[in-house]
Amino acid sequence: MSEYHSSKKLRRTHKGRMIAGVCSGVGEFVGIDPNIIRIGLAIVTLFGGLGIGVYAIGWLLLPEEGKDTSIVQDLLAKQQEKSTSSNPWNEDDHKPRQ
């Protein structure tokens, strides 16, 4: 007898989004109201500004709902693609292309 286990994925959500969906995504993932997370980040922001940094990191590292990659992963893939396509060396003879 097999059981179906749906794995929750941490994503920036569209539902309940106020800015980028970080708090609503985290709230949905952990099962709490996103407003509690928003209040917590606001308090942390008032006492040192760390909340803004945490939110920005979440925005960059969490994939958007419906996507498999985050903003950082997309940028790294584009950079890697750009660096491999602009390689002037031919792999066969190790001489620059003319």
N, C-alpha and C. Protein backbone atom coordinates (compact mmCIF):
# COMPACT_ATOMS: atom_id res chain seq x y z
N MET A 1 0.84 -1.18 0.00
CA MET A 1 0.00 0.00 0.00
C MET A 1 0.88 1.25 0.00
N SER A 2 0.73 2.08 -1.01
CA SER A 2 1.57 3.27 -1.09
C SER A 2 0.76 4.50 -0.72
N GLU A 3 1.43 5.41 -0.07
CA GLU A 3 0.79 6.66 0.31
C GLU A 3 1.35 7.77 -0.56
N TYR A 4 0.50 8.69 -0.89
CA TYR A 4 0.94 9.84 -1.67
C TYR A 4 1.31 10.95 -0.71
N HIS A 5 2.55 11.39 -0.78
CA HIS A 5 3.02 12.50 0.05
C HIS A 5 3.32 13.69 -0.85
N SER A 6 2.58 14.74 -0.67
CA SER A 6 2.88 15.94 -1.44
C SER A 6 3.92 16.73 -0.66
N SER A 7 5.01 17.01 -1.29
CA SER A 7 6.06 17.76 -0.62
C SER A 7 5.83 19.25 -0.85
N LYS A 8 5.82 19.99 0.23
CA LYS A 8 5.67 21.43 0.13
C LYS A 8 7.00 22.01 -0.30
N LYS A 9 6.94 22.97 -1.17
CA LYS A 9 8.14 23.65 -1.62
C LYS A 9 8.06 25.11 -1.21
N LEU A 10 9.18 25.62 -0.75
CA LEU A 10 9.26 27.02 -0.35
C LEU A 10 9.36 27.87 -1.61
N ARG A 11 8.33 28.65 -1.87
CA ARG A 11 8.23 29.48 -3.07
C ARG A 11 7.69 30.85 -2.71
N ARG A 12 8.00 31.84 -3.54
CA ARG A 12 7.34 33.15 -3.43
C ARG A 12 5.98 33.00 -4.09
N THR A 13 4.93 33.29 -3.36
CA THR A 13 3.59 33.04 -3.87
C THR A 13 2.98 34.27 -4.53
N HIS A 14 1.96 34.02 -5.33
CA HIS A 14 1.17 35.10 -5.94
C HIS A 14 0.01 35.48 -5.02
N LYS A 15 -0.57 34.47 -4.38
CA LYS A 15 -1.70 34.70 -3.49
C LYS A 15 -1.21 35.36 -2.20
N GLY A 16 -1.78 36.48 -1.85
CA GLY A 16 -1.41 37.18 -0.63
C GLY A 16 -0.16 38.01 -0.75
N ARG A 17 0.32 38.18 -1.96
CA ARG A 17 1.55 38.93 -2.19
C ARG A 17 1.33 40.41 -1.95
N MET A 18 2.30 41.04 -1.25
CA MET A 18 2.26 42.48 -1.09
C MET A 18 3.37 43.14 -1.89
N ILE A 19 4.57 42.57 -1.86
CA ILE A 19 5.68 43.11 -2.65
C ILE A 19 6.18 42.03 -3.61
N ALA A 20 6.96 41.08 -3.09
CA ALA A 20 7.51 40.03 -3.95
C ALA A 20 7.03 38.64 -3.57
N GLY A 21 6.19 38.53 -2.56
CA GLY A 21 5.63 37.24 -2.19
C GLY A 21 6.48 36.41 -1.24
N VAL A 22 7.52 37.01 -0.66
CA VAL A 22 8.40 36.28 0.24
C VAL A 22 7.67 35.89 1.52
N CYS A 23 7.06 36.84 2.18
CA CYS A 23 6.37 36.57 3.45
C CYS A 23 5.18 35.63 3.25
N SER A 24 4.43 35.82 2.19
CA SER A 24 3.29 34.93 1.95
C SER A 24 3.77 33.52 1.64
N GLY A 25 4.88 33.38 0.92
CA GLY A 25 5.43 32.06 0.63
C GLY A 25 5.96 31.37 1.86
N VAL A 26 6.68 32.10 2.70
CA VAL A 26 7.20 31.52 3.94
C VAL A 26 6.05 31.17 4.88
N GLY A 27 5.07 32.05 4.97
CA GLY A 27 3.91 31.78 5.82
C GLY A 27 3.16 30.54 5.38
N GLU A 28 2.97 30.38 4.09
CA GLU A 28 2.29 29.19 3.58
C GLU A 28 3.12 27.93 3.84
N PHE A 29 4.43 28.05 3.70
CA PHE A 29 5.31 26.90 3.89
C PHE A 29 5.31 26.41 5.34
N VAL A 30 5.38 27.35 6.28
CA VAL A 30 5.44 26.96 7.70
C VAL A 30 4.06 26.88 8.35
N GLY A 31 3.03 27.35 7.64
CA GLY A 31 1.67 27.23 8.15
C GLY A 31 1.25 28.29 9.13
N ILE A 32 1.79 29.51 8.97
CA ILE A 32 1.36 30.61 9.82
C ILE A 32 0.92 31.79 8.95
N ASP A 33 0.26 32.72 9.56
CA ASP A 33 -0.22 33.91 8.86
C ASP A 33 0.97 34.74 8.36
N PRO A 34 1.00 35.09 7.08
CA PRO A 34 2.11 35.89 6.56
C PRO A 34 2.25 37.25 7.24
N ASN A 35 1.15 37.77 7.80
CA ASN A 35 1.23 39.06 8.49
C ASN A 35 2.11 38.98 9.73
N ILE A 36 2.17 37.83 10.36
CA ILE A 36 3.06 37.66 11.51
C ILE A 36 4.52 37.77 11.05
N ILE A 37 4.81 37.19 9.92
CA ILE A 37 6.17 37.28 9.37
C ILE A 37 6.47 38.72 8.97
N ARG A 38 5.51 39.39 8.38
CA ARG A 38 5.70 40.79 7.99
C ARG A 38 5.97 41.67 9.20
N ILE A 39 5.21 41.47 10.25
CA ILE A 39 5.40 42.24 11.49
C ILE A 39 6.79 41.95 12.08
N GLY A 40 7.16 40.68 12.08
CA GLY A 40 8.48 40.31 12.59
C GLY A 40 9.60 40.98 11.81
N LEU A 41 9.50 40.97 10.49
CA LEU A 41 10.51 41.62 9.66
C LEU A 41 10.52 43.13 9.87
N ALA A 42 9.35 43.73 10.07
CA ALA A 42 9.28 45.17 10.32
C ALA A 42 9.97 45.51 11.64
N ILE A 43 9.74 44.71 12.67
CA ILE A 43 10.37 44.95 13.97
C ILE A 43 11.89 44.79 13.86
N VAL A 44 12.32 43.74 13.18
CA VAL A 44 13.77 43.52 13.01
C VAL A 44 14.39 44.65 12.19
N THR A 45 13.63 45.19 11.23
CA THR A 45 14.12 46.31 10.43
C THR A 45 14.30 47.56 11.29
N LEU A 46 13.37 47.80 12.20
CA LEU A 46 13.47 48.97 13.07
C LEU A 46 14.67 48.89 14.00
N PHE A 47 15.06 47.70 14.39
CA PHE A 47 16.18 47.52 15.32
C PHE A 47 17.41 47.00 14.58
N GLY A 48 17.89 47.78 13.64
CA GLY A 48 19.14 47.43 12.98
C GLY A 48 19.06 47.27 11.48
N GLY A 49 17.88 47.21 10.91
CA GLY A 49 17.75 47.12 9.46
C GLY A 49 17.93 45.73 8.87
N LEU A 50 18.07 44.71 9.70
CA LEU A 50 18.31 43.36 9.20
C LEU A 50 17.13 42.81 8.42
N GLY A 51 15.93 43.23 8.73
CA GLY A 51 14.73 42.72 8.07
C GLY A 51 14.74 42.96 6.57
N ILE A 52 15.22 44.11 6.15
CA ILE A 52 15.29 44.42 4.72
C ILE A 52 16.25 43.47 4.02
N GLY A 53 17.38 43.21 4.64
CA GLY A 53 18.35 42.29 4.06
C GLY A 53 17.81 40.87 3.97
N VAL A 54 17.12 40.43 5.01
CA VAL A 54 16.53 39.09 5.02
C VAL A 54 15.50 38.97 3.91
N TYR A 55 14.66 40.00 3.76
CA TYR A 55 13.64 39.99 2.72
C TYR A 55 14.29 39.96 1.33
N ALA A 56 15.34 40.78 1.14
CA ALA A 56 16.02 40.83 -0.16
C ALA A 56 16.65 39.48 -0.49
N ILE A 57 17.25 38.84 0.49
CA ILE A 57 17.84 37.52 0.27
C ILE A 57 16.76 36.51 -0.11
N GLY A 58 15.63 36.57 0.59
CA GLY A 58 14.51 35.69 0.25
C GLY A 58 14.01 35.92 -1.16
N TRP A 59 13.93 37.18 -1.56
CA TRP A 59 13.48 37.53 -2.91
C TRP A 59 14.43 36.97 -3.96
N LEU A 60 15.73 37.04 -3.68
CA LEU A 60 16.72 36.57 -4.65
C LEU A 60 16.85 35.05 -4.69
N LEU A 61 16.67 34.38 -3.54
CA LEU A 61 16.94 32.94 -3.47
C LEU A 61 15.71 32.04 -3.60
N LEU A 62 14.53 32.57 -3.31
CA LEU A 62 13.32 31.75 -3.39
C LEU A 62 12.74 31.81 -4.80
N PRO A 63 12.50 30.66 -5.41
CA PRO A 63 11.86 30.67 -6.74
C PRO A 63 10.42 31.17 -6.64
N GLU A 64 9.97 31.79 -7.68
CA GLU A 64 8.58 32.25 -7.74
C GLU A 64 7.68 31.04 -7.97
N GLU A 65 6.48 31.13 -7.48
CA GLU A 65 5.49 30.07 -7.66
C GLU A 65 5.36 29.76 -9.16
N GLY A 66 5.44 28.49 -9.51
CA GLY A 66 5.34 28.09 -10.90
C GLY A 66 6.68 27.99 -11.61
N LYS A 67 7.76 28.36 -10.93
CA LYS A 67 9.09 28.27 -11.52
C LYS A 67 9.94 27.32 -10.69
N ASP A 68 10.98 26.79 -11.32
CA ASP A 68 11.89 25.88 -10.62
C ASP A 68 13.17 26.55 -10.18
N THR A 69 13.46 27.74 -10.72
CA THR A 69 14.71 28.40 -10.39
C THR A 69 14.47 29.79 -9.82
N SER A 70 15.40 30.23 -8.99
CA SER A 70 15.31 31.55 -8.39
C SER A 70 15.95 32.59 -9.29
N ILE A 71 15.87 33.83 -8.89
CA ILE A 71 16.48 34.92 -9.65
C ILE A 71 17.99 34.72 -9.72
N VAL A 72 18.61 34.34 -8.61
CA VAL A 72 20.05 34.11 -8.58
C VAL A 72 20.43 32.95 -9.50
N GLN A 73 19.67 31.87 -9.44
CA GLN A 73 19.97 30.72 -10.32
C GLN A 73 19.84 31.11 -11.79
N ASP A 74 18.84 31.91 -12.13
CA ASP A 74 18.68 32.37 -13.51
C ASP A 74 19.86 33.23 -13.96
N LEU A 75 20.29 34.15 -13.07
CA LEU A 75 21.42 35.01 -13.41
C LEU A 75 22.71 34.21 -13.57
N LEU A 76 22.94 33.25 -12.68
CA LEU A 76 24.14 32.42 -12.79
C LEU A 76 24.12 31.58 -14.06
N ALA A 77 22.97 31.05 -14.42
CA ALA A 77 22.87 30.27 -15.65
C ALA A 77 23.13 31.13 -16.88
N LYS A 78 22.59 32.36 -16.89
CA LYS A 78 22.84 33.26 -18.01
C LYS A 78 24.31 33.63 -18.10
N GLN A 79 24.93 33.89 -16.96
CA GLN A 79 26.36 34.24 -16.93
C GLN A 79 27.20 33.07 -17.42
N GLN A 80 26.87 31.87 -16.99
CA GLN A 80 27.61 30.70 -17.41
C GLN A 80 27.44 30.45 -18.91
N GLU A 81 26.21 30.63 -19.39
CA GLU A 81 25.94 30.47 -20.82
C GLU A 81 26.71 31.50 -21.63
N LYS A 82 26.74 32.72 -21.13
CA LYS A 82 27.45 33.80 -21.81
C LYS A 82 28.95 33.52 -21.85
N SER A 83 29.51 33.04 -20.75
CA SER A 83 30.95 32.79 -20.71
C SER A 83 31.35 31.61 -21.58
N THR A 84 30.50 30.59 -21.69
CA THR A 84 30.84 29.45 -22.53
C THR A 84 30.65 29.76 -24.02
N SER A 85 29.66 30.61 -24.33
CA SER A 85 29.43 30.94 -25.74
C SER A 85 30.44 31.95 -26.26
N SER A 86 31.07 32.73 -25.41
CA SER A 86 32.04 33.73 -25.85
C SER A 86 33.48 33.24 -25.71
N ASN A 87 33.66 31.96 -25.48
CA ASN A 87 34.98 31.38 -25.36
C ASN A 87 35.67 31.40 -26.72
N PRO A 88 36.80 32.12 -26.87
CA PRO A 88 37.46 32.23 -28.18
C PRO A 88 38.28 30.99 -28.54
N TRP A 89 38.42 30.07 -27.66
CA TRP A 89 39.25 28.90 -27.91
C TRP A 89 38.44 27.76 -28.51
N ASN A 90 38.93 27.21 -29.56
CA ASN A 90 38.33 26.04 -30.17
C ASN A 90 38.80 24.83 -29.38
N GLU A 91 37.91 23.98 -28.96
CA GLU A 91 38.28 22.84 -28.12
C GLU A 91 39.14 21.82 -28.86
N ASP A 92 39.08 21.78 -30.19
CA ASP A 92 39.80 20.77 -30.96
C ASP A 92 41.29 21.06 -31.07
N ASP A 93 41.66 22.30 -31.39
CA ASP A 93 43.08 22.57 -31.62
C ASP A 93 43.68 23.57 -30.63
N HIS A 94 42.91 24.07 -29.70
CA HIS A 94 43.38 24.99 -28.65
C HIS A 94 44.03 26.24 -29.22
N LYS A 95 43.58 26.70 -30.37
CA LYS A 95 44.05 27.93 -30.95
C LYS A 95 42.87 28.91 -31.01
N PRO A 96 43.15 30.21 -30.91
CA PRO A 96 42.05 31.17 -31.02
C PRO A 96 41.37 31.07 -32.38
N ARG A 97 40.07 31.27 -32.38
CA ARG A 97 39.33 31.28 -33.64
C ARG A 97 39.62 32.55 -34.38
N GLN A 98 39.62 32.48 -35.68
CA GLN A 98 39.89 33.65 -36.53
C GLN A 98 38.61 34.23 -37.02
